[in-house]
Amino acid sequence: MEFWKSTKEHRSSPPETMEYLDFANIFRKFEADIAIAPLVSNDFNEHKSPLKFFEYSANGFPGVYSNVKPYKGIVRHGETGLLSENTFESWVENLKKLILDYQLRQQLALQAQEQIKSTHLLSNNSYRWVDTYKTIINNSQNKTENMSVLVDTLENINVQLNEYAWTKEKQISILRENNARQLKEIQSLNSSLVYSHHQLQELYSSTSWKITSPVRKAREILSSFKRKLVSSSTKNIIINSGLFDAKYYLLQNPPDIRDAKIDPLTHFINHGWKEKRNPSAKFNLKRYLKRYPELIELDINPIVDYVKKKVSLILSLALKKKI
């Protein structure tokens, strides 16, 4: 295409695996602000599936796609992605839109995920298999001349079903291995738990434990008070920073938070940032923790750390101006 011939520098990487499940797990770890899917218009490409649109959207990447089949008719231009003509000017125009407008990037990513959930999930389309078989049966009864086409269709479906069955068997085998390993770990942990329980019973019955009981209670009360102060301070800093978006946090992350009906900000402070869940489109938490990995060990919230570093920089510049 004209645009890609005009780009002087580009880099390609070979795939790490030929297994799609392994690829999906690797792809989920990718970090990107924008995804692209250029495709030349020809008979071969027109019969491809819009898989890249599904993959990019599942990862929360807003995308620019060639305005050809398979994306034309699936991607809604300006709503769930941008469709570009295969010209230099069109690609530059659409890429500029996404680069310069982070709100548009966030809007396209969220709406693309909603489109997939409402339209393209297997649970919403499984009936098509039944309809296909019914059509085949009806056609074979009424039009014997189409038998060869129907046989080809059945063979293709059979190949897909065999591949699907093989994939599931592999998954079951892996799950069984993991289950056996986890059972061994549980048995080991149970043995350790019994031993620890025995030691605790001995400790609780000791004279020194009974004498130091008031001191421990006072320490617990003080620790609880400190935790509440820290939690309240952290919440205020994060809210005032403008770097936490509750709607984004719920939609971009797995449904466990929504299902548990937990306050998004509370979840982010207590668990989310440690699980490397992005708080908003404005703050890339994974990238920040990669730069400052010591925050995890020190148990310092990345947004709080970012705000404090920013304030410190502003004060430092102000002092230099005075001097």
C-alpha atoms as a PDB file:
ATOM      1  CA  MET A   1       0.000   0.000   0.000  1.00  0.00           C
ATOM      2  CA  GLU A   2       1.042   3.585  -0.591  1.00  0.00           C
ATOM      3  CA  PHE A   3       1.338   4.523   3.090  1.00  0.00           C
ATOM      4  CA  TRP A   4       3.486   1.581   4.134  1.00  0.00           C
ATOM      5  CA  LYS A   5       5.765   1.954   1.129  1.00  0.00           C
ATOM      6  CA  SER A   6       6.336   5.556   2.233  1.00  0.00           C
ATOM      7  CA  THR A   7       7.461   4.643   5.773  1.00  0.00           C
ATOM      8  CA  LYS A   8      11.245   4.464   5.839  1.00  0.00           C
ATOM      9  CA  GLU A   9      11.651   2.701   9.173  1.00  0.00           C
ATOM     10  CA  HIS A  10       9.630  -0.183  10.529  1.00  0.00           C
ATOM     11  CA  ARG A  11      10.305  -3.204  12.665  1.00  0.00           C
ATOM     12  CA  SER A  12       8.683  -6.636  12.702  1.00  0.00           C
ATOM     13  CA  SER A  13       9.023  -9.403  15.259  1.00  0.00           C
ATOM     14  CA  PRO A  14       8.530 -13.122  14.624  1.00  0.00           C
ATOM     15  CA  PRO A  15       5.705 -14.764  16.617  1.00  0.00           C
ATOM     16  CA  GLU A  16       6.775 -16.450  19.844  1.00  0.00           C
ATOM     17  CA  THR A  17       4.360 -19.337  19.326  1.00  0.00           C
ATOM     18  CA  MET A  18       2.149 -20.937  16.693  1.00  0.00           C
ATOM     19  CA  GLU A  19      -0.445 -22.004  19.301  1.00  0.00           C
ATOM     20  CA  TYR A  20      -3.291 -19.482  19.422  1.00  0.00           C
ATOM     21  CA  LEU A  21      -4.036 -19.970  23.133  1.00  0.00           C
ATOM     22  CA  ASP A  22      -0.386 -19.312  23.976  1.00  0.00           C
ATOM     23  CA  PHE A  23      -0.399 -16.311  21.637  1.00  0.00           C
ATOM     24  CA  ALA A  24      -3.548 -14.934  23.333  1.00  0.00           C
ATOM     25  CA  ASN A  25      -1.858 -15.127  26.738  1.00  0.00           C
ATOM     26  CA  ILE A  26       1.226 -13.338  25.376  1.00  0.00           C
ATOM     27  CA  PHE A  27      -0.878 -10.745  23.535  1.00  0.00           C
ATOM     28  CA  ARG A  28      -2.789  -9.871  26.713  1.00  0.00           C
ATOM     29  CA  LYS A  29       0.489  -8.614  28.225  1.00  0.00           C
ATOM     30  CA  PHE A  30       1.172  -6.174  25.386  1.00  0.00           C
ATOM     31  CA  GLU A  31       1.122  -2.458  26.164  1.00  0.00           C
ATOM     32  CA  ALA A  32       0.026  -0.028  23.456  1.00  0.00           C
ATOM     33  CA  ASP A  33      -1.867   3.245  23.043  1.00  0.00           C
ATOM     34  CA  ILE A  34      -2.929   2.622  19.429  1.00  0.00           C
ATOM     35  CA  ALA A  35      -3.303  -0.505  17.278  1.00  0.00           C
ATOM     36  CA  ILE A  36      -3.386  -0.666  13.474  1.00  0.00           C
ATOM     37  CA  ALA A  37      -4.649  -3.228  10.974  1.00  0.00           C
ATOM     38  CA  PRO A  38      -3.638  -2.341   7.396  1.00  0.00           C
ATOM     39  CA  LEU A  39      -4.972  -4.724   4.761  1.00  0.00           C
ATOM     40  CA  VAL A  40      -4.763  -4.740   0.968  1.00  0.00           C
ATOM     41  CA  SER A  41      -8.093  -5.134  -0.814  1.00  0.00           C
ATOM     42  CA  ASN A  42      -8.171  -8.404  -2.768  1.00  0.00           C
ATOM     43  CA  ASP A  43     -10.287 -11.563  -3.026  1.00  0.00           C
ATOM     44  CA  PHE A  44      -8.161 -13.460  -0.513  1.00  0.00           C
ATOM     45  CA  ASN A  45      -8.282 -10.760   2.190  1.00  0.00           C
ATOM     46  CA  GLU A  46     -12.009 -10.150   1.727  1.00  0.00           C
ATOM     47  CA  HIS A  47     -12.671 -13.669   3.032  1.00  0.00           C
ATOM     48  CA  LYS A  48     -10.656 -13.172   6.215  1.00  0.00           C
ATOM     49  CA  SER A  49     -12.275 -12.630   9.606  1.00  0.00           C
ATOM     50  CA  PRO A  50     -12.082  -9.355  11.585  1.00  0.00           C
ATOM     51  CA  LEU A  51     -10.010 -11.169  14.239  1.00  0.00           C
ATOM     52  CA  LYS A  52      -7.606  -8.279  14.788  1.00  0.00           C
ATOM     53  CA  PHE A  53     -10.525  -6.004  15.669  1.00  0.00           C
ATOM     54  CA  PHE A  54     -11.656  -8.535  18.300  1.00  0.00           C
ATOM     55  CA  GLU A  55      -8.124  -8.989  19.701  1.00  0.00           C
ATOM     56  CA  TYR A  56      -7.324  -5.280  19.842  1.00  0.00           C
ATOM     57  CA  SER A  57     -10.680  -4.430  21.417  1.00  0.00           C
ATOM     58  CA  ALA A  58     -10.405  -7.190  24.035  1.00  0.00           C
ATOM     59  CA  ASN A  59      -7.057  -5.677  25.063  1.00  0.00           C
ATOM     60  CA  GLY A  60      -8.520  -2.172  25.203  1.00  0.00           C
ATOM     61  CA  PHE A  61      -6.533  -0.857  22.213  1.00  0.00           C
ATOM     62  CA  PRO A  62      -8.257   1.741  19.996  1.00  0.00           C
ATOM     63  CA  GLY A  63      -7.524   0.884  16.375  1.00  0.00           C
ATOM     64  CA  VAL A  64      -7.228   2.185  12.841  1.00  0.00           C
ATOM     65  CA  TYR A  65      -8.303  -0.388  10.232  1.00  0.00           C
ATOM     66  CA  SER A  66      -8.220  -0.476   6.443  1.00  0.00           C
ATOM     67  CA  ASN A  67     -11.651   0.348   5.067  1.00  0.00           C
ATOM     68  CA  VAL A  68     -11.987  -3.043   3.350  1.00  0.00           C
ATOM     69  CA  LYS A  69     -13.541  -6.366   4.165  1.00  0.00           C
ATOM     70  CA  PRO A  70     -13.348  -7.933   6.743  1.00  0.00           C
ATOM     71  CA  TYR A  71     -13.330  -4.688   8.807  1.00  0.00           C
ATOM     72  CA  LYS A  72     -15.790  -2.753   6.662  1.00  0.00           C
ATOM     73  CA  GLY A  73     -19.257  -3.459   8.032  1.00  0.00           C
ATOM     74  CA  ILE A  74     -17.930  -4.623  11.434  1.00  0.00           C
ATOM     75  CA  VAL A  75     -15.935  -1.611  12.658  1.00  0.00           C
ATOM     76  CA  ARG A  76     -18.191   1.434  13.061  1.00  0.00           C
ATOM     77  CA  HIS A  77     -16.131   4.430  11.950  1.00  0.00           C
ATOM     78  CA  GLY A  78     -15.798   7.013  14.730  1.00  0.00           C
ATOM     79  CA  GLU A  79     -17.611   4.771  17.235  1.00  0.00           C
ATOM     80  CA  THR A  80     -15.693   1.513  17.684  1.00  0.00           C
ATOM     81  CA  GLY A  81     -12.623   2.321  15.569  1.00  0.00           C
ATOM     82  CA  LEU A  82     -11.410   4.373  12.639  1.00  0.00           C
ATOM     83  CA  LEU A  83     -11.627   3.118   9.042  1.00  0.00           C
ATOM     84  CA  SER A  84      -8.897   4.380   6.745  1.00  0.00           C
ATOM     85  CA  GLU A  85      -8.687   4.330   2.976  1.00  0.00           C
ATOM     86  CA  ASN A  86      -5.458   2.714   1.752  1.00  0.00           C
ATOM     87  CA  THR A  87      -3.779   6.011   0.916  1.00  0.00           C
ATOM     88  CA  PHE A  88      -0.967   7.887   2.630  1.00  0.00           C
ATOM     89  CA  GLU A  89      -3.177  10.909   3.372  1.00  0.00           C
ATOM     90  CA  SER A  90      -6.032   8.890   4.888  1.00  0.00           C
ATOM     91  CA  TRP A  91      -3.763   6.858   7.174  1.00  0.00           C
ATOM     92  CA  VAL A  92      -1.890   9.943   8.386  1.00  0.00           C
ATOM     93  CA  GLU A  93      -5.181  11.758   9.045  1.00  0.00           C
ATOM     94  CA  ASN A  94      -6.669   8.911  11.100  1.00  0.00           C
ATOM     95  CA  LEU A  95      -3.461   8.195  13.039  1.00  0.00           C
ATOM     96  CA  LYS A  96      -3.180  11.893  13.929  1.00  0.00           C
ATOM     97  CA  LYS A  97      -6.720  11.838  15.302  1.00  0.00           C
ATOM     98  CA  LEU A  98      -5.892   9.053  17.743  1.00  0.00           C
ATOM     99  CA  ILE A  99      -2.449  10.366  18.679  1.00  0.00           C
ATOM    100  CA  LEU A 100      -3.727  13.854  19.522  1.00  0.00           C
ATOM    101  CA  ASP A 101      -7.041  12.950  21.217  1.00  0.00           C
ATOM    102  CA  TYR A 102      -6.773  10.640  24.232  1.00  0.00           C
ATOM    103  CA  GLN A 103     -10.522  11.024  24.952  1.00  0.00           C
ATOM    104  CA  LEU A 104     -11.289   9.673  21.480  1.00  0.00           C
ATOM    105  CA  ARG A 105      -8.912   6.758  22.112  1.00  0.00           C
ATOM    106  CA  GLN A 106     -10.687   5.941  25.368  1.00  0.00           C
ATOM    107  CA  GLN A 107     -14.148   6.307  23.787  1.00  0.00           C
ATOM    108  CA  LEU A 108     -13.331   4.034  20.829  1.00  0.00           C
ATOM    109  CA  ALA A 109     -11.775   1.367  23.084  1.00  0.00           C
ATOM    110  CA  LEU A 110     -14.728   1.283  25.500  1.00  0.00           C
ATOM    111  CA  GLN A 111     -17.378   1.263  22.749  1.00  0.00           C
ATOM    112  CA  ALA A 112     -15.532  -1.461  20.824  1.00  0.00           C
ATOM    113  CA  GLN A 113     -15.552  -3.665  23.930  1.00  0.00           C
ATOM    114  CA  GLU A 114     -19.266  -3.025  24.395  1.00  0.00           C
ATOM    115  CA  GLN A 115     -19.892  -3.985  20.733  1.00  0.00           C
ATOM    116  CA  ILE A 116     -18.038  -7.281  21.170  1.00  0.00           C
ATOM    117  CA  LYS A 117     -19.862  -8.110  24.406  1.00  0.00           C
ATOM    118  CA  SER A 118     -23.287  -7.385  22.924  1.00  0.00           C
ATOM    119  CA  THR A 119     -22.816  -8.773  19.383  1.00  0.00           C
ATOM    120  CA  HIS A 120     -19.838 -11.053  18.891  1.00  0.00           C
ATOM    121  CA  LEU A 121     -19.555 -13.330  21.935  1.00  0.00           C
ATOM    122  CA  LEU A 122     -19.854 -17.064  21.268  1.00  0.00           C
ATOM    123  CA  SER A 123     -22.692 -17.250  23.794  1.00  0.00           C
ATOM    124  CA  ASN A 124     -24.703 -14.884  21.561  1.00  0.00           C
ATOM    125  CA  ASN A 125     -23.932 -16.710  18.324  1.00  0.00           C
ATOM    126  CA  SER A 126     -23.901 -20.436  19.141  1.00  0.00           C
ATOM    127  CA  TYR A 127     -27.367 -20.807  17.589  1.00  0.00           C
ATOM    128  CA  ARG A 128     -25.749 -20.284  14.169  1.00  0.00           C
ATOM    129  CA  TRP A 129     -24.347 -23.825  14.283  1.00  0.00           C
ATOM    130  CA  VAL A 130     -27.853 -25.254  14.665  1.00  0.00           C
ATOM    131  CA  ASP A 131     -29.176 -22.991  11.898  1.00  0.00           C
ATOM    132  CA  THR A 132     -26.355 -24.089   9.588  1.00  0.00           C
ATOM    133  CA  TYR A 133     -27.106 -27.777  10.131  1.00  0.00           C
ATOM    134  CA  LYS A 134     -30.845 -27.188   9.571  1.00  0.00           C
ATOM    135  CA  THR A 135     -30.125 -25.327   6.343  1.00  0.00           C
ATOM    136  CA  ILE A 136     -27.852 -28.115   5.175  1.00  0.00           C
ATOM    137  CA  ILE A 137     -30.476 -30.777   5.906  1.00  0.00           C
ATOM    138  CA  ASN A 138     -33.241 -28.825   4.172  1.00  0.00           C
ATOM    139  CA  ASN A 139     -31.100 -28.080   1.147  1.00  0.00           C
ATOM    140  CA  SER A 140     -29.915 -31.663   0.860  1.00  0.00           C
ATOM    141  CA  GLN A 141     -33.497 -32.901   0.867  1.00  0.00           C
ATOM    142  CA  ASN A 142     -34.753 -30.368  -1.674  1.00  0.00           C
ATOM    143  CA  LYS A 143     -31.701 -29.833  -3.902  1.00  0.00           C
ATOM    144  CA  THR A 144     -29.553 -32.887  -4.444  1.00  0.00           C
ATOM    145  CA  GLU A 145     -27.457 -30.985  -7.004  1.00  0.00           C
ATOM    146  CA  ASN A 146     -25.989 -28.914  -4.170  1.00  0.00           C
ATOM    147  CA  MET A 147     -24.814 -32.024  -2.315  1.00  0.00           C
ATOM    148  CA  SER A 148     -21.115 -31.488  -3.127  1.00  0.00           C
ATOM    149  CA  VAL A 149     -21.227 -27.939  -1.743  1.00  0.00           C
ATOM    150  CA  LEU A 150     -22.978 -29.174   1.388  1.00  0.00           C
ATOM    151  CA  VAL A 151     -20.413 -31.928   1.875  1.00  0.00           C
ATOM    152  CA  ASP A 152     -17.615 -29.363   1.633  1.00  0.00           C
ATOM    153  CA  THR A 153     -19.376 -27.191   4.206  1.00  0.00           C
ATOM    154  CA  LEU A 154     -19.807 -30.132   6.571  1.00  0.00           C
ATOM    155  CA  GLU A 155     -16.181 -31.113   6.156  1.00  0.00           C
ATOM    156  CA  ASN A 156     -15.073 -27.581   7.035  1.00  0.00           C
ATOM    157  CA  ILE A 157     -17.299 -27.558  10.096  1.00  0.00           C
ATOM    158  CA  ASN A 158     -16.010 -30.990  11.089  1.00  0.00           C
ATOM    159  CA  VAL A 159     -12.399 -29.788  10.833  1.00  0.00           C
ATOM    160  CA  GLN A 160     -13.207 -26.808  13.067  1.00  0.00           C
ATOM    161  CA  LEU A 161     -14.969 -29.028  15.596  1.00  0.00           C
ATOM    162  CA  ASN A 162     -12.029 -31.467  15.668  1.00  0.00           C
ATOM    163  CA  GLU A 163      -9.596 -28.592  16.211  1.00  0.00           C
ATOM    164  CA  TYR A 164     -11.835 -27.210  18.940  1.00  0.00           C
ATOM    165  CA  ALA A 165     -12.039 -30.654  20.620  1.00  0.00           C
ATOM    166  CA  TRP A 166      -8.266 -31.075  20.418  1.00  0.00           C
ATOM    167  CA  THR A 167      -7.754 -27.646  21.974  1.00  0.00           C
ATOM    168  CA  LYS A 168     -10.137 -28.478  24.807  1.00  0.00           C
ATOM    169  CA  GLU A 169      -8.407 -31.803  25.432  1.00  0.00           C
ATOM    170  CA  LYS A 170      -5.095 -29.983  25.692  1.00  0.00           C
ATOM    171  CA  GLN A 171      -6.617 -27.475  28.120  1.00  0.00           C
ATOM    172  CA  ILE A 172      -8.053 -30.306  30.242  1.00  0.00           C
ATOM    173  CA  SER A 173      -4.662 -32.034  30.321  1.00  0.00           C
ATOM    174  CA  ILE A 174      -2.973 -28.825  31.480  1.00  0.00           C
ATOM    175  CA  LEU A 175      -5.667 -28.255  34.114  1.00  0.00           C
ATOM    176  CA  ARG A 176      -5.236 -31.791  35.428  1.00  0.00           C
ATOM    177  CA  GLU A 177      -1.484 -31.292  35.756  1.00  0.00           C
ATOM    178  CA  ASN A 178      -2.028 -27.982  37.538  1.00  0.00           C
ATOM    179  CA  ASN A 179      -4.640 -29.559  39.783  1.00  0.00           C
ATOM    180  CA  ALA A 180      -2.275 -32.393  40.785  1.00  0.00           C
ATOM    181  CA  ARG A 181       0.487 -29.910  41.552  1.00  0.00           C
ATOM    182  CA  GLN A 182      -1.839 -27.705  43.586  1.00  0.00           C
ATOM    183  CA  LEU A 183      -3.110 -30.714  45.568  1.00  0.00           C
ATOM    184  CA  LYS A 184       0.480 -31.507  46.568  1.00  0.00           C
ATOM    185  CA  GLU A 185       0.994 -27.887  47.582  1.00  0.00           C
ATOM    186  CA  ILE A 186      -2.227 -27.966  49.631  1.00  0.00           C
ATOM    187  CA  GLN A 187      -1.109 -31.120  51.426  1.00  0.00           C
ATOM    188  CA  SER A 188       2.237 -29.509  52.216  1.00  0.00           C
ATOM    189  CA  LEU A 189       0.523 -26.353  53.444  1.00  0.00           C
ATOM    190  CA  ASN A 190      -1.859 -28.385  55.617  1.00  0.00           C
ATOM    191  CA  SER A 191       1.103 -30.105  57.277  1.00  0.00           C
ATOM    192  CA  SER A 192       2.726 -26.724  57.906  1.00  0.00           C
ATOM    193  CA  LEU A 193      -0.562 -25.382  59.244  1.00  0.00           C
ATOM    194  CA  VAL A 194      -0.917 -28.222  61.748  1.00  0.00           C
ATOM    195  CA  TYR A 195       2.641 -27.667  62.971  1.00  0.00           C
ATOM    196  CA  SER A 196       2.121 -23.893  63.214  1.00  0.00           C
ATOM    197  CA  HIS A 197      -1.155 -24.389  65.099  1.00  0.00           C
ATOM    198  CA  HIS A 198       0.639 -26.602  67.611  1.00  0.00           C
ATOM    199  CA  GLN A 199       3.320 -23.960  68.121  1.00  0.00           C
ATOM    200  CA  LEU A 200       0.715 -21.226  68.577  1.00  0.00           C
ATOM    201  CA  GLN A 201      -1.103 -23.240  71.222  1.00  0.00           C
ATOM    202  CA  GLU A 202       2.133 -23.552  73.156  1.00  0.00           C
ATOM    203  CA  LEU A 203       2.776 -19.820  72.770  1.00  0.00           C
ATOM    204  CA  TYR A 204      -0.746 -18.789  73.876  1.00  0.00           C
ATOM    205  CA  SER A 205      -0.481 -20.901  77.006  1.00  0.00           C
ATOM    206  CA  SER A 206       2.886 -19.381  77.989  1.00  0.00           C
ATOM    207  CA  THR A 207       3.233 -16.871  80.861  1.00  0.00           C
ATOM    208  CA  SER A 208       5.036 -14.263  78.724  1.00  0.00           C
ATOM    209  CA  TRP A 209       2.127 -14.132  76.239  1.00  0.00           C
ATOM    210  CA  LYS A 210      -0.371 -13.411  79.001  1.00  0.00           C
ATOM    211  CA  ILE A 211       1.825 -10.691  80.545  1.00  0.00           C
ATOM    212  CA  THR A 212       2.304  -8.811  77.228  1.00  0.00           C
ATOM    213  CA  SER A 213      -1.375  -8.949  76.229  1.00  0.00           C
ATOM    214  CA  PRO A 214      -2.169  -5.262  77.147  1.00  0.00           C
ATOM    215  CA  VAL A 215       0.832  -4.051  75.119  1.00  0.00           C
ATOM    216  CA  ARG A 216      -0.311  -5.951  72.048  1.00  0.00           C
ATOM    217  CA  LYS A 217      -3.837  -4.589  72.274  1.00  0.00           C
ATOM    218  CA  ALA A 218      -2.528  -1.025  72.485  1.00  0.00           C
ATOM    219  CA  ARG A 219      -0.294  -1.642  69.468  1.00  0.00           C
ATOM    220  CA  GLU A 220      -3.242  -3.042  67.431  1.00  0.00           C
ATOM    221  CA  ILE A 221      -5.375   0.018  68.217  1.00  0.00           C
ATOM    222  CA  LEU A 222      -2.547   2.355  67.203  1.00  0.00           C
ATOM    223  CA  SER A 223      -1.892   0.432  63.954  1.00  0.00           C
ATOM    224  CA  SER A 224      -5.598   0.499  63.053  1.00  0.00           C
ATOM    225  CA  PHE A 225      -5.716   4.261  63.616  1.00  0.00           C
ATOM    226  CA  LYS A 226      -2.624   4.775  61.432  1.00  0.00           C
ATOM    227  CA  ARG A 227      -4.092   2.633  58.617  1.00  0.00           C
ATOM    228  CA  LYS A 228      -7.281   4.709  58.581  1.00  0.00           C
ATOM    229  CA  LEU A 229      -5.286   7.946  58.389  1.00  0.00           C
ATOM    230  CA  VAL A 230      -3.108   6.634  55.567  1.00  0.00           C
ATOM    231  CA  SER A 231      -6.119   5.284  53.633  1.00  0.00           C
ATOM    232  CA  SER A 232      -7.997   8.590  53.919  1.00  0.00           C
ATOM    233  CA  SER A 233      -4.931  10.571  52.834  1.00  0.00           C
ATOM    234  CA  THR A 234      -4.311   8.231  49.858  1.00  0.00           C
ATOM    235  CA  LYS A 235      -7.932   8.556  48.707  1.00  0.00           C
ATOM    236  CA  ASN A 236      -7.806  12.355  48.796  1.00  0.00           C
ATOM    237  CA  ILE A 237      -4.522  12.480  46.856  1.00  0.00           C
ATOM    238  CA  ILE A 238      -5.799  10.113  44.158  1.00  0.00           C
ATOM    239  CA  ILE A 239      -9.152  11.899  43.788  1.00  0.00           C
ATOM    240  CA  ASN A 240      -7.512  15.337  43.542  1.00  0.00           C
ATOM    241  CA  SER A 241      -4.931  14.057  41.037  1.00  0.00           C
ATOM    242  CA  GLY A 242      -7.629  13.420  38.419  1.00  0.00           C
ATOM    243  CA  LEU A 243      -5.836  10.212  37.431  1.00  0.00           C
ATOM    244  CA  PHE A 244      -8.564   7.790  38.559  1.00  0.00           C
ATOM    245  CA  ASP A 245     -11.632   7.149  36.397  1.00  0.00           C
ATOM    246  CA  ALA A 246     -14.132   4.812  38.088  1.00  0.00           C
ATOM    247  CA  LYS A 247     -16.055   4.043  34.869  1.00  0.00           C
ATOM    248  CA  TYR A 248     -12.847   3.271  32.967  1.00  0.00           C
ATOM    249  CA  TYR A 249     -11.587   1.106  35.853  1.00  0.00           C
ATOM    250  CA  LEU A 250     -14.755  -1.016  35.869  1.00  0.00           C
ATOM    251  CA  LEU A 251     -14.977  -1.452  32.090  1.00  0.00           C
ATOM    252  CA  GLN A 252     -11.280  -2.070  31.385  1.00  0.00           C
ATOM    253  CA  ASN A 253     -10.832  -4.726  34.062  1.00  0.00           C
ATOM    254  CA  PRO A 254     -12.368  -8.198  34.534  1.00  0.00           C
ATOM    255  CA  PRO A 255     -15.964  -8.232  35.847  1.00  0.00           C
ATOM    256  CA  ASP A 256     -14.934  -9.472  39.320  1.00  0.00           C
ATOM    257  CA  ILE A 257     -15.012  -5.914  40.717  1.00  0.00           C
ATOM    258  CA  ARG A 258     -18.476  -5.164  39.281  1.00  0.00           C
ATOM    259  CA  ASP A 259     -19.824  -8.519  40.418  1.00  0.00           C
ATOM    260  CA  ALA A 260     -18.535  -7.993  43.962  1.00  0.00           C
ATOM    261  CA  LYS A 261     -20.063  -4.467  43.983  1.00  0.00           C
ATOM    262  CA  ILE A 262     -16.889  -3.010  45.519  1.00  0.00           C
ATOM    263  CA  ASP A 263     -16.151   0.709  45.392  1.00  0.00           C
ATOM    264  CA  PRO A 264     -13.687   1.020  42.445  1.00  0.00           C
ATOM    265  CA  LEU A 265     -11.365   3.491  44.197  1.00  0.00           C
ATOM    266  CA  THR A 266     -11.225   1.391  47.384  1.00  0.00           C
ATOM    267  CA  HIS A 267     -10.434  -1.706  45.318  1.00  0.00           C
ATOM    268  CA  PHE A 268      -7.695   0.139  43.427  1.00  0.00           C
ATOM    269  CA  ILE A 269      -6.070   1.367  46.661  1.00  0.00           C
ATOM    270  CA  ASN A 270      -6.219  -2.010  48.437  1.00  0.00           C
ATOM    271  CA  HIS A 271      -5.662  -4.432  45.564  1.00  0.00           C
ATOM    272  CA  GLY A 272      -5.899  -3.009  42.040  1.00  0.00           C
ATOM    273  CA  TRP A 273      -2.575  -1.209  41.745  1.00  0.00           C
ATOM    274  CA  LYS A 274      -0.728  -4.278  43.080  1.00  0.00           C
ATOM    275  CA  GLU A 275      -2.482  -6.327  40.384  1.00  0.00           C
ATOM    276  CA  LYS A 276      -1.272  -3.708  37.850  1.00  0.00           C
ATOM    277  CA  ARG A 277      -4.754  -2.572  36.833  1.00  0.00           C
ATOM    278  CA  ASN A 278      -4.701   0.819  35.106  1.00  0.00           C
ATOM    279  CA  PRO A 279      -6.710   3.502  36.982  1.00  0.00           C
ATOM    280  CA  SER A 280      -7.542   5.526  33.842  1.00  0.00           C
ATOM    281  CA  ALA A 281      -6.494   6.179  30.273  1.00  0.00           C
ATOM    282  CA  LYS A 282      -4.251   8.988  31.554  1.00  0.00           C
ATOM    283  CA  PHE A 283      -1.998   6.813  33.736  1.00  0.00           C
ATOM    284  CA  ASN A 284      -0.147   3.702  32.530  1.00  0.00           C
ATOM    285  CA  LEU A 285       0.432   1.886  35.807  1.00  0.00           C
ATOM    286  CA  LYS A 286       2.422  -1.029  34.340  1.00  0.00           C
ATOM    287  CA  ARG A 287       4.871   1.363  32.706  1.00  0.00           C
ATOM    288  CA  TYR A 288       5.249   3.393  35.920  1.00  0.00           C
ATOM    289  CA  LEU A 289       5.897   0.295  38.050  1.00  0.00           C
ATOM    290  CA  LYS A 290       8.393  -0.929  35.484  1.00  0.00           C
ATOM    291  CA  ARG A 291      10.262   2.341  35.991  1.00  0.00           C
ATOM    292  CA  TYR A 292       9.904   2.298  39.797  1.00  0.00           C
ATOM    293  CA  PRO A 293       9.647  -1.411  40.802  1.00  0.00           C
ATOM    294  CA  GLU A 294      10.608  -0.638  44.409  1.00  0.00           C
ATOM    295  CA  LEU A 295       7.102   0.810  45.013  1.00  0.00           C
ATOM    296  CA  ILE A 296       5.648  -2.707  45.261  1.00  0.00           C
ATOM    297  CA  GLU A 297       8.053  -3.747  48.003  1.00  0.00           C
ATOM    298  CA  LEU A 298       7.614  -0.412  49.818  1.00  0.00           C
ATOM    299  CA  ASP A 299       3.794  -0.666  49.425  1.00  0.00           C
ATOM    300  CA  ILE A 300       3.532   2.852  47.978  1.00  0.00           C
ATOM    301  CA  ASN A 301       0.631   3.597  45.644  1.00  0.00           C
ATOM    302  CA  PRO A 302       2.031   4.676  42.220  1.00  0.00           C
ATOM    303  CA  ILE A 303      -0.377   7.610  41.826  1.00  0.00           C
ATOM    304  CA  VAL A 304       0.555   8.923  45.284  1.00  0.00           C
ATOM    305  CA  ASP A 305       4.231   8.535  44.410  1.00  0.00           C
ATOM    306  CA  TYR A 306       3.712  10.305  41.065  1.00  0.00           C
ATOM    307  CA  VAL A 307       1.887  13.236  42.715  1.00  0.00           C
ATOM    308  CA  LYS A 308       4.553  13.613  45.414  1.00  0.00           C
ATOM    309  CA  LYS A 309       7.347  13.547  42.819  1.00  0.00           C
ATOM    310  CA  LYS A 310       5.496  16.149  40.757  1.00  0.00           C
ATOM    311  CA  VAL A 311       4.945  18.428  43.778  1.00  0.00           C
ATOM    312  CA  SER A 312       8.599  18.029  44.780  1.00  0.00           C
ATOM    313  CA  LEU A 313       9.695  18.996  41.247  1.00  0.00           C
ATOM    314  CA  ILE A 314       7.451  22.083  41.231  1.00  0.00           C
ATOM    315  CA  LEU A 315       8.791  23.238  44.618  1.00  0.00           C
ATOM    316  CA  SER A 316      12.369  22.645  43.486  1.00  0.00           C
ATOM    317  CA  LEU A 317      11.833  24.766  40.350  1.00  0.00           C
ATOM    318  CA  ALA A 318      10.153  27.505  42.417  1.00  0.00           C
ATOM    319  CA  LEU A 319      13.127  27.636  44.817  1.00  0.00           C
ATOM    320  CA  LYS A 320      15.584  27.843  41.916  1.00  0.00           C
ATOM    321  CA  LYS A 321      13.678  30.822  40.493  1.00  0.00           C
ATOM    322  CA  LYS A 322      13.816  32.619  43.853  1.00  0.00           C
ATOM    323  CA  ILE A 323      17.564  32.016  44.092  1.00  0.00           C
END
